[in-house]
């Protein structure tokens, strides 16, 4: 028997599993086997939601064809009696996003669960150094950032902007566009969006509300772009232009960032 084996978890991603887990991949357990709990949402001791990496049971594989194809996947479980969004809406939003920005299709849903492919990578926030408060403390972090790291993060942010704009052009806004919902996968190298629970359909909004929603979704990314320009200098791209245009709404002290960006440019980055 194999000690380890690559197991597909999406149409273009695989992970290496040890024998203890391969047993459940090859012989489905009676109930979903929880490999690891990735996220929890609770109030005090009351559990509201659990996000788990699971290996699908025989029943789950029979119910959802993609679970049979990708038995190792992510399962979000809402606990009985707790208020939550409609999992069908999340499934439909995710499916629509998959068509617009080429992410893996969702696996399935029930009234209290939502399943999606495992994306083997890291949240963008694990790669970015910018988490300091007050905001101006991020200027010093940017000045210490190696040029190669700053360039790599900038390219990822440009990709994220393109995906946001493609979603919005298709009439869908992410709705929870914090940077931890951007996953950077190394093999193949790509940035993918997750968590469409709060996505917003343009058809349900007034034009004013839709424009506000779209602008709000871009704020975390544009703020990150300003921080990165403190390492790189001013960038002449769609991302740089939008970030600099909206700096006064994104930052408490935009003039300090403008000076830092100008100074960086004057010494060639």
C-alpha atoms as a PDB file:
ATOM      1  CA  UNK A   1       0.000   0.000   0.000  1.00  0.00           C
ATOM      2  CA  UNK A   2       1.217   3.503  -0.780  1.00  0.00           C
ATOM      3  CA  UNK A   3       2.759   5.419   2.115  1.00  0.00           C
ATOM      4  CA  UNK A   4       1.765   8.652   0.419  1.00  0.00           C
ATOM      5  CA  UNK A   5      -0.196   9.592  -2.702  1.00  0.00           C
ATOM      6  CA  UNK A   6      -1.271  12.696  -4.537  1.00  0.00           C
ATOM      7  CA  UNK A   7      -5.042  13.148  -4.283  1.00  0.00           C
ATOM      8  CA  UNK A   8      -6.936  15.594  -6.538  1.00  0.00           C
ATOM      9  CA  UNK A   9      -8.883  18.263  -4.643  1.00  0.00           C
ATOM     10  CA  UNK A  10     -10.008  20.392  -7.615  1.00  0.00           C
ATOM     11  CA  UNK A  11      -9.708  20.252 -11.413  1.00  0.00           C
ATOM     12  CA  UNK A  12      -6.148  21.644 -11.156  1.00  0.00           C
ATOM     13  CA  UNK A  13      -4.969  21.085  -7.579  1.00  0.00           C
ATOM     14  CA  UNK A  14      -3.736  18.026  -5.701  1.00  0.00           C
ATOM     15  CA  UNK A  15      -2.378  17.385  -2.222  1.00  0.00           C
ATOM     16  CA  UNK A  16      -0.107  14.670  -0.874  1.00  0.00           C
ATOM     17  CA  UNK A  17      -1.850  12.470   1.695  1.00  0.00           C
ATOM     18  CA  UNK A  18      -0.365   9.917   4.075  1.00  0.00           C
ATOM     19  CA  UNK A  19      -1.652   6.353   4.453  1.00  0.00           C
ATOM     20  CA  UNK A  20      -3.840   7.144   7.492  1.00  0.00           C
ATOM     21  CA  UNK A  21      -5.968   9.447   5.319  1.00  0.00           C
ATOM     22  CA  UNK A  22      -5.734   7.411   2.141  1.00  0.00           C
ATOM     23  CA  UNK A  23      -7.647   4.660   3.934  1.00  0.00           C
ATOM     24  CA  UNK A  24     -10.690   6.934   4.109  1.00  0.00           C
ATOM     25  CA  UNK A  25     -10.190   8.181   0.557  1.00  0.00           C
ATOM     26  CA  UNK A  26     -10.260   4.623  -0.804  1.00  0.00           C
ATOM     27  CA  UNK A  27     -12.885   3.245   1.602  1.00  0.00           C
ATOM     28  CA  UNK A  28     -15.480   5.922   2.419  1.00  0.00           C
ATOM     29  CA  UNK A  29     -16.273   6.271   6.130  1.00  0.00           C
ATOM     30  CA  UNK A  30     -19.834   6.027   7.441  1.00  0.00           C
ATOM     31  CA  UNK A  31     -19.795   9.726   8.294  1.00  0.00           C
ATOM     32  CA  UNK A  32     -17.678  12.604   6.987  1.00  0.00           C
ATOM     33  CA  UNK A  33     -14.245  12.302   8.578  1.00  0.00           C
ATOM     34  CA  UNK A  34     -13.006  15.648   9.918  1.00  0.00           C
ATOM     35  CA  UNK A  35      -9.324  16.024   9.108  1.00  0.00           C
ATOM     36  CA  UNK A  36      -8.986  19.509  10.541  1.00  0.00           C
ATOM     37  CA  UNK A  37     -11.169  22.407  11.658  1.00  0.00           C
ATOM     38  CA  UNK A  38     -10.086  25.498   9.744  1.00  0.00           C
ATOM     39  CA  UNK A  39     -12.529  28.133  10.976  1.00  0.00           C
ATOM     40  CA  UNK A  40     -15.126  28.638  13.690  1.00  0.00           C
ATOM     41  CA  UNK A  41     -17.769  31.263  14.287  1.00  0.00           C
ATOM     42  CA  UNK A  42     -19.249  31.430  17.754  1.00  0.00           C
ATOM     43  CA  UNK A  43     -20.759  33.733  20.351  1.00  0.00           C
ATOM     44  CA  UNK A  44     -19.462  32.848  23.777  1.00  0.00           C
ATOM     45  CA  UNK A  45     -19.771  29.071  23.983  1.00  0.00           C
ATOM     46  CA  UNK A  46     -22.522  28.929  21.376  1.00  0.00           C
ATOM     47  CA  UNK A  47     -21.193  27.551  18.090  1.00  0.00           C
ATOM     48  CA  UNK A  48     -22.659  29.200  14.997  1.00  0.00           C
ATOM     49  CA  UNK A  49     -20.537  27.790  12.200  1.00  0.00           C
ATOM     50  CA  UNK A  50     -17.674  25.361  11.746  1.00  0.00           C
ATOM     51  CA  UNK A  51     -15.472  25.214   8.654  1.00  0.00           C
ATOM     52  CA  UNK A  52     -13.816  21.812   8.349  1.00  0.00           C
ATOM     53  CA  UNK A  53     -11.549  19.959   6.005  1.00  0.00           C
ATOM     54  CA  UNK A  54     -13.324  16.624   5.605  1.00  0.00           C
ATOM     55  CA  UNK A  55     -13.094  13.320   3.768  1.00  0.00           C
ATOM     56  CA  UNK A  56     -16.537  12.584   2.401  1.00  0.00           C
ATOM     57  CA  UNK A  57     -18.637   9.690   3.629  1.00  0.00           C
ATOM     58  CA  UNK A  58     -20.226   7.149   1.306  1.00  0.00           C
ATOM     59  CA  UNK A  59     -23.564   8.984   1.615  1.00  0.00           C
ATOM     60  CA  UNK A  60     -21.984  12.348   0.796  1.00  0.00           C
ATOM     61  CA  UNK A  61     -20.283  10.907  -2.286  1.00  0.00           C
ATOM     62  CA  UNK A  62     -23.564   9.401  -3.441  1.00  0.00           C
ATOM     63  CA  UNK A  63     -25.395  12.678  -2.922  1.00  0.00           C
ATOM     64  CA  UNK A  64     -22.869  15.015  -4.570  1.00  0.00           C
ATOM     65  CA  UNK A  65     -21.008  13.754  -7.668  1.00  0.00           C
ATOM     66  CA  UNK A  66     -18.139  16.212  -7.143  1.00  0.00           C
ATOM     67  CA  UNK A  67     -17.661  14.866  -3.613  1.00  0.00           C
ATOM     68  CA  UNK A  68     -16.952  11.468  -5.154  1.00  0.00           C
ATOM     69  CA  UNK A  69     -14.430  13.105  -7.478  1.00  0.00           C
ATOM     70  CA  UNK A  70     -12.895  15.232  -4.697  1.00  0.00           C
ATOM     71  CA  UNK A  71     -13.601  13.384  -1.426  1.00  0.00           C
ATOM     72  CA  UNK A  72     -11.158  15.617   0.451  1.00  0.00           C
ATOM     73  CA  UNK A  73     -12.857  19.025   0.499  1.00  0.00           C
ATOM     74  CA  UNK A  74     -14.048  21.968   2.593  1.00  0.00           C
ATOM     75  CA  UNK A  75     -17.368  21.724   4.446  1.00  0.00           C
ATOM     76  CA  UNK A  76     -19.004  24.675   6.145  1.00  0.00           C
ATOM     77  CA  UNK A  77     -21.589  23.582   8.746  1.00  0.00           C
ATOM     78  CA  UNK A  78     -24.200  25.833  10.353  1.00  0.00           C
ATOM     79  CA  UNK A  79     -25.588  24.625  13.637  1.00  0.00           C
ATOM     80  CA  UNK A  80     -29.347  24.018  14.115  1.00  0.00           C
ATOM     81  CA  UNK A  81     -31.298  26.979  15.386  1.00  0.00           C
ATOM     82  CA  UNK A  82     -28.658  29.519  14.312  1.00  0.00           C
ATOM     83  CA  UNK A  83     -29.460  32.237  11.805  1.00  0.00           C
ATOM     84  CA  UNK A  84     -27.447  32.109   8.599  1.00  0.00           C
ATOM     85  CA  UNK A  85     -27.725  32.921   4.944  1.00  0.00           C
ATOM     86  CA  UNK A  86     -29.345  30.554   2.481  1.00  0.00           C
ATOM     87  CA  UNK A  87     -26.763  27.960   1.471  1.00  0.00           C
ATOM     88  CA  UNK A  88     -28.469  27.678  -1.926  1.00  0.00           C
ATOM     89  CA  UNK A  89     -27.715  31.356  -2.522  1.00  0.00           C
ATOM     90  CA  UNK A  90     -24.072  30.775  -1.624  1.00  0.00           C
ATOM     91  CA  UNK A  91     -23.965  27.771  -3.948  1.00  0.00           C
ATOM     92  CA  UNK A  92     -25.544  29.751  -6.797  1.00  0.00           C
ATOM     93  CA  UNK A  93     -23.268  32.749  -6.238  1.00  0.00           C
ATOM     94  CA  UNK A  94     -20.187  30.535  -6.157  1.00  0.00           C
ATOM     95  CA  UNK A  95     -21.298  28.771  -9.335  1.00  0.00           C
ATOM     96  CA  UNK A  96     -21.795  32.098 -11.065  1.00  0.00           C
ATOM     97  CA  UNK A  97     -18.406  33.336  -9.870  1.00  0.00           C
ATOM     98  CA  UNK A  98     -16.794  30.171 -11.228  1.00  0.00           C
ATOM     99  CA  UNK A  99     -18.086  31.083 -14.672  1.00  0.00           C
ATOM    100  CA  UNK A 100     -16.849  34.674 -14.402  1.00  0.00           C
ATOM    101  CA  UNK A 101     -13.381  34.280 -12.845  1.00  0.00           C
ATOM    102  CA  UNK A 102     -12.449  30.621 -13.388  1.00  0.00           C
ATOM    103  CA  UNK A 103     -12.513  29.208  -9.869  1.00  0.00           C
ATOM    104  CA  UNK A 104     -13.427  25.581  -9.087  1.00  0.00           C
ATOM    105  CA  UNK A 105     -17.156  24.886  -8.975  1.00  0.00           C
ATOM    106  CA  UNK A 106     -18.785  24.348  -5.570  1.00  0.00           C
ATOM    107  CA  UNK A 107     -19.415  20.748  -4.569  1.00  0.00           C
ATOM    108  CA  UNK A 108     -22.898  20.903  -3.046  1.00  0.00           C
ATOM    109  CA  UNK A 109     -25.159  22.157  -0.289  1.00  0.00           C
ATOM    110  CA  UNK A 110     -27.910  21.198   2.132  1.00  0.00           C
ATOM    111  CA  UNK A 111     -29.996  23.582   4.259  1.00  0.00           C
ATOM    112  CA  UNK A 112     -27.214  23.673   6.876  1.00  0.00           C
ATOM    113  CA  UNK A 113     -24.029  22.838   4.963  1.00  0.00           C
ATOM    114  CA  UNK A 114     -22.010  24.167   2.044  1.00  0.00           C
ATOM    115  CA  UNK A 115     -19.196  22.256   0.353  1.00  0.00           C
ATOM    116  CA  UNK A 116     -16.433  23.526  -1.903  1.00  0.00           C
ATOM    117  CA  UNK A 117     -13.102  22.370  -3.282  1.00  0.00           C
ATOM    118  CA  UNK A 118     -10.004  22.616  -1.126  1.00  0.00           C
ATOM    119  CA  UNK A 119      -7.602  25.241  -2.469  1.00  0.00           C
ATOM    120  CA  UNK A 120      -4.086  24.319  -1.290  1.00  0.00           C
ATOM    121  CA  UNK A 121      -2.528  27.697  -0.650  1.00  0.00           C
ATOM    122  CA  UNK A 122      -2.279  30.577   1.801  1.00  0.00           C
ATOM    123  CA  UNK A 123      -4.578  33.537   2.415  1.00  0.00           C
ATOM    124  CA  UNK A 124      -3.047  36.692   0.977  1.00  0.00           C
ATOM    125  CA  UNK A 125      -2.938  38.143   4.499  1.00  0.00           C
ATOM    126  CA  UNK A 126      -0.369  35.496   5.466  1.00  0.00           C
ATOM    127  CA  UNK A 127       1.974  36.873   2.796  1.00  0.00           C
ATOM    128  CA  UNK A 128       1.454  40.593   3.373  1.00  0.00           C
ATOM    129  CA  UNK A 129       3.351  42.402   6.143  1.00  0.00           C
ATOM    130  CA  UNK A 130       0.745  45.167   6.385  1.00  0.00           C
ATOM    131  CA  UNK A 131      -1.335  44.667   9.508  1.00  0.00           C
ATOM    132  CA  UNK A 132      -0.088  47.519  11.692  1.00  0.00           C
ATOM    133  CA  UNK A 133      -2.135  50.132  13.508  1.00  0.00           C
ATOM    134  CA  UNK A 134      -2.229  53.058  13.172  1.00  0.00           C
ATOM    135  CA  UNK A 135      -2.250  52.953   9.379  1.00  0.00           C
ATOM    136  CA  UNK A 136       0.848  55.140   9.132  1.00  0.00           C
ATOM    137  CA  UNK A 137       2.911  52.415  10.852  1.00  0.00           C
ATOM    138  CA  UNK A 138       2.671  50.472   7.597  1.00  0.00           C
ATOM    139  CA  UNK A 139       4.917  53.041   5.889  1.00  0.00           C
ATOM    140  CA  UNK A 140       7.910  51.787   7.877  1.00  0.00           C
ATOM    141  CA  UNK A 141       6.969  48.187   7.090  1.00  0.00           C
ATOM    142  CA  UNK A 142       6.869  49.040   3.388  1.00  0.00           C
ATOM    143  CA  UNK A 143      10.295  50.667   3.503  1.00  0.00           C
ATOM    144  CA  UNK A 144      11.764  47.443   4.908  1.00  0.00           C
ATOM    145  CA  UNK A 145      10.050  45.196   2.362  1.00  0.00           C
ATOM    146  CA  UNK A 146      12.482  43.580  -0.139  1.00  0.00           C
ATOM    147  CA  UNK A 147      11.851  44.727  -3.694  1.00  0.00           C
ATOM    148  CA  UNK A 148      11.191  41.189  -4.946  1.00  0.00           C
ATOM    149  CA  UNK A 149       8.524  40.682  -2.264  1.00  0.00           C
ATOM    150  CA  UNK A 150       6.886  44.021  -3.037  1.00  0.00           C
ATOM    151  CA  UNK A 151       6.813  43.248  -6.764  1.00  0.00           C
ATOM    152  CA  UNK A 152       5.305  39.808  -6.156  1.00  0.00           C
ATOM    153  CA  UNK A 153       2.594  41.179  -3.878  1.00  0.00           C
ATOM    154  CA  UNK A 154       1.827  43.955  -6.356  1.00  0.00           C
ATOM    155  CA  UNK A 155       1.302  41.448  -9.167  1.00  0.00           C
ATOM    156  CA  UNK A 156      -1.025  39.413  -6.962  1.00  0.00           C
ATOM    157  CA  UNK A 157      -3.010  42.557  -6.155  1.00  0.00           C
ATOM    158  CA  UNK A 158      -3.282  43.429  -9.842  1.00  0.00           C
ATOM    159  CA  UNK A 159      -4.671  39.949 -10.453  1.00  0.00           C
ATOM    160  CA  UNK A 160      -7.130  40.396  -7.580  1.00  0.00           C
ATOM    161  CA  UNK A 161      -8.334  43.706  -9.023  1.00  0.00           C
ATOM    162  CA  UNK A 162      -8.889  42.108 -12.433  1.00  0.00           C
ATOM    163  CA  UNK A 163     -10.993  39.393 -10.798  1.00  0.00           C
ATOM    164  CA  UNK A 164     -13.070  41.884  -8.818  1.00  0.00           C
ATOM    165  CA  UNK A 165     -13.732  43.938 -11.940  1.00  0.00           C
ATOM    166  CA  UNK A 166     -14.656  40.804 -13.921  1.00  0.00           C
ATOM    167  CA  UNK A 167     -17.137  39.787 -11.211  1.00  0.00           C
ATOM    168  CA  UNK A 168     -18.661  43.238 -11.117  1.00  0.00           C
ATOM    169  CA  UNK A 169     -18.853  43.470 -14.909  1.00  0.00           C
ATOM    170  CA  UNK A 170     -20.816  40.210 -14.734  1.00  0.00           C
ATOM    171  CA  UNK A 171     -23.256  41.722 -12.239  1.00  0.00           C
ATOM    172  CA  UNK A 172     -21.899  40.087  -9.076  1.00  0.00           C
ATOM    173  CA  UNK A 173     -20.103  41.778  -6.176  1.00  0.00           C
ATOM    174  CA  UNK A 174     -18.166  39.608  -3.738  1.00  0.00           C
ATOM    175  CA  UNK A 175     -19.717  41.164  -0.636  1.00  0.00           C
ATOM    176  CA  UNK A 176     -16.928  40.236   1.820  1.00  0.00           C
ATOM    177  CA  UNK A 177     -13.800  41.233  -0.037  1.00  0.00           C
ATOM    178  CA  UNK A 178     -11.349  41.156   2.853  1.00  0.00           C
ATOM    179  CA  UNK A 179      -7.865  40.073   1.812  1.00  0.00           C
ATOM    180  CA  UNK A 180      -8.068  36.786   3.727  1.00  0.00           C
ATOM    181  CA  UNK A 181     -10.635  35.696   1.131  1.00  0.00           C
ATOM    182  CA  UNK A 182      -7.914  35.737  -1.521  1.00  0.00           C
ATOM    183  CA  UNK A 183      -6.030  32.423  -1.613  1.00  0.00           C
ATOM    184  CA  UNK A 184      -2.590  32.254  -3.210  1.00  0.00           C
ATOM    185  CA  UNK A 185      -1.956  28.764  -4.585  1.00  0.00           C
ATOM    186  CA  UNK A 186       1.653  27.931  -5.570  1.00  0.00           C
ATOM    187  CA  UNK A 187       0.941  24.928  -7.828  1.00  0.00           C
ATOM    188  CA  UNK A 188      -0.197  26.130 -10.285  1.00  0.00           C
ATOM    189  CA  UNK A 189       0.667  29.685  -9.249  1.00  0.00           C
ATOM    190  CA  UNK A 190      -2.585  31.629  -9.101  1.00  0.00           C
ATOM    191  CA  UNK A 191      -4.778  33.775  -6.880  1.00  0.00           C
ATOM    192  CA  UNK A 192      -8.320  32.551  -6.222  1.00  0.00           C
ATOM    193  CA  UNK A 193     -11.296  34.093  -4.445  1.00  0.00           C
ATOM    194  CA  UNK A 194     -13.288  32.205  -1.827  1.00  0.00           C
ATOM    195  CA  UNK A 195     -16.386  32.703   0.356  1.00  0.00           C
ATOM    196  CA  UNK A 196     -19.303  34.002  -1.689  1.00  0.00           C
ATOM    197  CA  UNK A 197     -21.773  33.759   1.191  1.00  0.00           C
ATOM    198  CA  UNK A 198     -22.416  37.509   1.146  1.00  0.00           C
ATOM    199  CA  UNK A 199     -22.266  38.101  -2.605  1.00  0.00           C
ATOM    200  CA  UNK A 200     -24.612  40.685  -4.087  1.00  0.00           C
ATOM    201  CA  UNK A 201     -26.479  40.471  -7.392  1.00  0.00           C
ATOM    202  CA  UNK A 202     -26.646  43.757  -9.275  1.00  0.00           C
ATOM    203  CA  UNK A 203     -30.264  43.084 -10.223  1.00  0.00           C
ATOM    204  CA  UNK A 204     -31.302  43.273  -6.563  1.00  0.00           C
ATOM    205  CA  UNK A 205     -29.763  46.729  -6.051  1.00  0.00           C
ATOM    206  CA  UNK A 206     -30.480  50.291  -7.009  1.00  0.00           C
ATOM    207  CA  UNK A 207     -27.752  51.822  -9.148  1.00  0.00           C
ATOM    208  CA  UNK A 208     -26.530  53.910  -6.214  1.00  0.00           C
ATOM    209  CA  UNK A 209     -26.414  50.919  -3.864  1.00  0.00           C
ATOM    210  CA  UNK A 210     -24.644  48.796  -6.491  1.00  0.00           C
ATOM    211  CA  UNK A 211     -21.933  51.395  -7.098  1.00  0.00           C
ATOM    212  CA  UNK A 212     -21.412  51.756  -3.354  1.00  0.00           C
ATOM    213  CA  UNK A 213     -21.163  47.977  -2.922  1.00  0.00           C
ATOM    214  CA  UNK A 214     -18.607  47.683  -5.721  1.00  0.00           C
ATOM    215  CA  UNK A 215     -16.513  50.525  -4.294  1.00  0.00           C
ATOM    216  CA  UNK A 216     -16.619  49.000  -0.812  1.00  0.00           C
ATOM    217  CA  UNK A 217     -15.409  45.655  -2.144  1.00  0.00           C
ATOM    218  CA  UNK A 218     -12.310  47.299  -3.593  1.00  0.00           C
ATOM    219  CA  UNK A 219     -11.311  49.191  -0.454  1.00  0.00           C
ATOM    220  CA  UNK A 220      -9.110  46.550   1.268  1.00  0.00           C
ATOM    221  CA  UNK A 221      -7.266  45.864  -1.986  1.00  0.00           C
ATOM    222  CA  UNK A 222      -6.749  49.539  -2.833  1.00  0.00           C
ATOM    223  CA  UNK A 223      -5.480  50.251   0.673  1.00  0.00           C
ATOM    224  CA  UNK A 224      -2.977  47.426   0.248  1.00  0.00           C
ATOM    225  CA  UNK A 225      -1.928  48.969  -3.065  1.00  0.00           C
ATOM    226  CA  UNK A 226      -1.142  52.266  -1.358  1.00  0.00           C
ATOM    227  CA  UNK A 227       0.990  50.485   1.227  1.00  0.00           C
ATOM    228  CA  UNK A 228       2.864  48.650  -1.520  1.00  0.00           C
ATOM    229  CA  UNK A 229       3.534  51.874  -3.389  1.00  0.00           C
ATOM    230  CA  UNK A 230       5.361  53.057  -0.271  1.00  0.00           C
ATOM    231  CA  UNK A 231       7.804  50.256  -1.127  1.00  0.00           C
ATOM    232  CA  UNK A 232       7.754  50.592  -4.916  1.00  0.00           C
ATOM    233  CA  UNK A 233       6.931  54.204  -5.677  1.00  0.00           C
ATOM    234  CA  UNK A 234       3.943  55.410  -7.677  1.00  0.00           C
ATOM    235  CA  UNK A 235       2.609  52.816 -10.143  1.00  0.00           C
ATOM    236  CA  UNK A 236       0.978  53.760 -13.440  1.00  0.00           C
ATOM    237  CA  UNK A 237      -1.588  51.007 -13.737  1.00  0.00           C
ATOM    238  CA  UNK A 238      -5.310  50.574 -13.145  1.00  0.00           C
ATOM    239  CA  UNK A 239      -4.600  49.420  -9.595  1.00  0.00           C
ATOM    240  CA  UNK A 240      -2.271  52.319  -8.849  1.00  0.00           C
ATOM    241  CA  UNK A 241      -4.590  54.889 -10.376  1.00  0.00           C
ATOM    242  CA  UNK A 242      -7.656  53.702  -8.460  1.00  0.00           C
ATOM    243  CA  UNK A 243      -5.737  53.473  -5.188  1.00  0.00           C
ATOM    244  CA  UNK A 244      -4.296  56.963  -5.503  1.00  0.00           C
ATOM    245  CA  UNK A 245      -7.605  58.490  -6.624  1.00  0.00           C
ATOM    246  CA  UNK A 246      -9.416  57.093  -3.571  1.00  0.00           C
ATOM    247  CA  UNK A 247      -6.618  57.561  -1.023  1.00  0.00           C
ATOM    248  CA  UNK A 248      -8.459  60.300   0.857  1.00  0.00           C
ATOM    249  CA  UNK A 249     -11.354  57.904   1.544  1.00  0.00           C
ATOM    250  CA  UNK A 250      -9.132  54.957   2.407  1.00  0.00           C
ATOM    251  CA  UNK A 251      -6.599  56.560   4.752  1.00  0.00           C
ATOM    252  CA  UNK A 252      -6.659  58.705   7.857  1.00  0.00           C
ATOM    253  CA  UNK A 253      -3.553  60.660   6.808  1.00  0.00           C
ATOM    254  CA  UNK A 254      -3.284  60.385   3.019  1.00  0.00           C
ATOM    255  CA  UNK A 255      -0.677  63.170   2.779  1.00  0.00           C
ATOM    256  CA  UNK A 256       1.830  61.109   4.767  1.00  0.00           C
ATOM    257  CA  UNK A 257       1.425  58.220   2.354  1.00  0.00           C
ATOM    258  CA  UNK A 258       1.699  60.516  -0.671  1.00  0.00           C
ATOM    259  CA  UNK A 259       5.018  61.844   0.650  1.00  0.00           C
ATOM    260  CA  UNK A 260       6.307  58.335   1.331  1.00  0.00           C
ATOM    261  CA  UNK A 261       5.368  57.201  -2.188  1.00  0.00           C
ATOM    262  CA  UNK A 262       7.003  60.258  -3.761  1.00  0.00           C
ATOM    263  CA  UNK A 263      10.177  59.787  -1.725  1.00  0.00           C
ATOM    264  CA  UNK A 264      10.369  56.135  -2.720  1.00  0.00           C
ATOM    265  CA  UNK A 265      10.033  57.016  -6.384  1.00  0.00           C
ATOM    266  CA  UNK A 266      12.777  59.632  -6.095  1.00  0.00           C
ATOM    267  CA  UNK A 267      15.332  56.978  -5.055  1.00  0.00           C
ATOM    268  CA  UNK A 268      14.230  54.451  -7.677  1.00  0.00           C
ATOM    269  CA  UNK A 269      12.215  52.215  -5.342  1.00  0.00           C
END
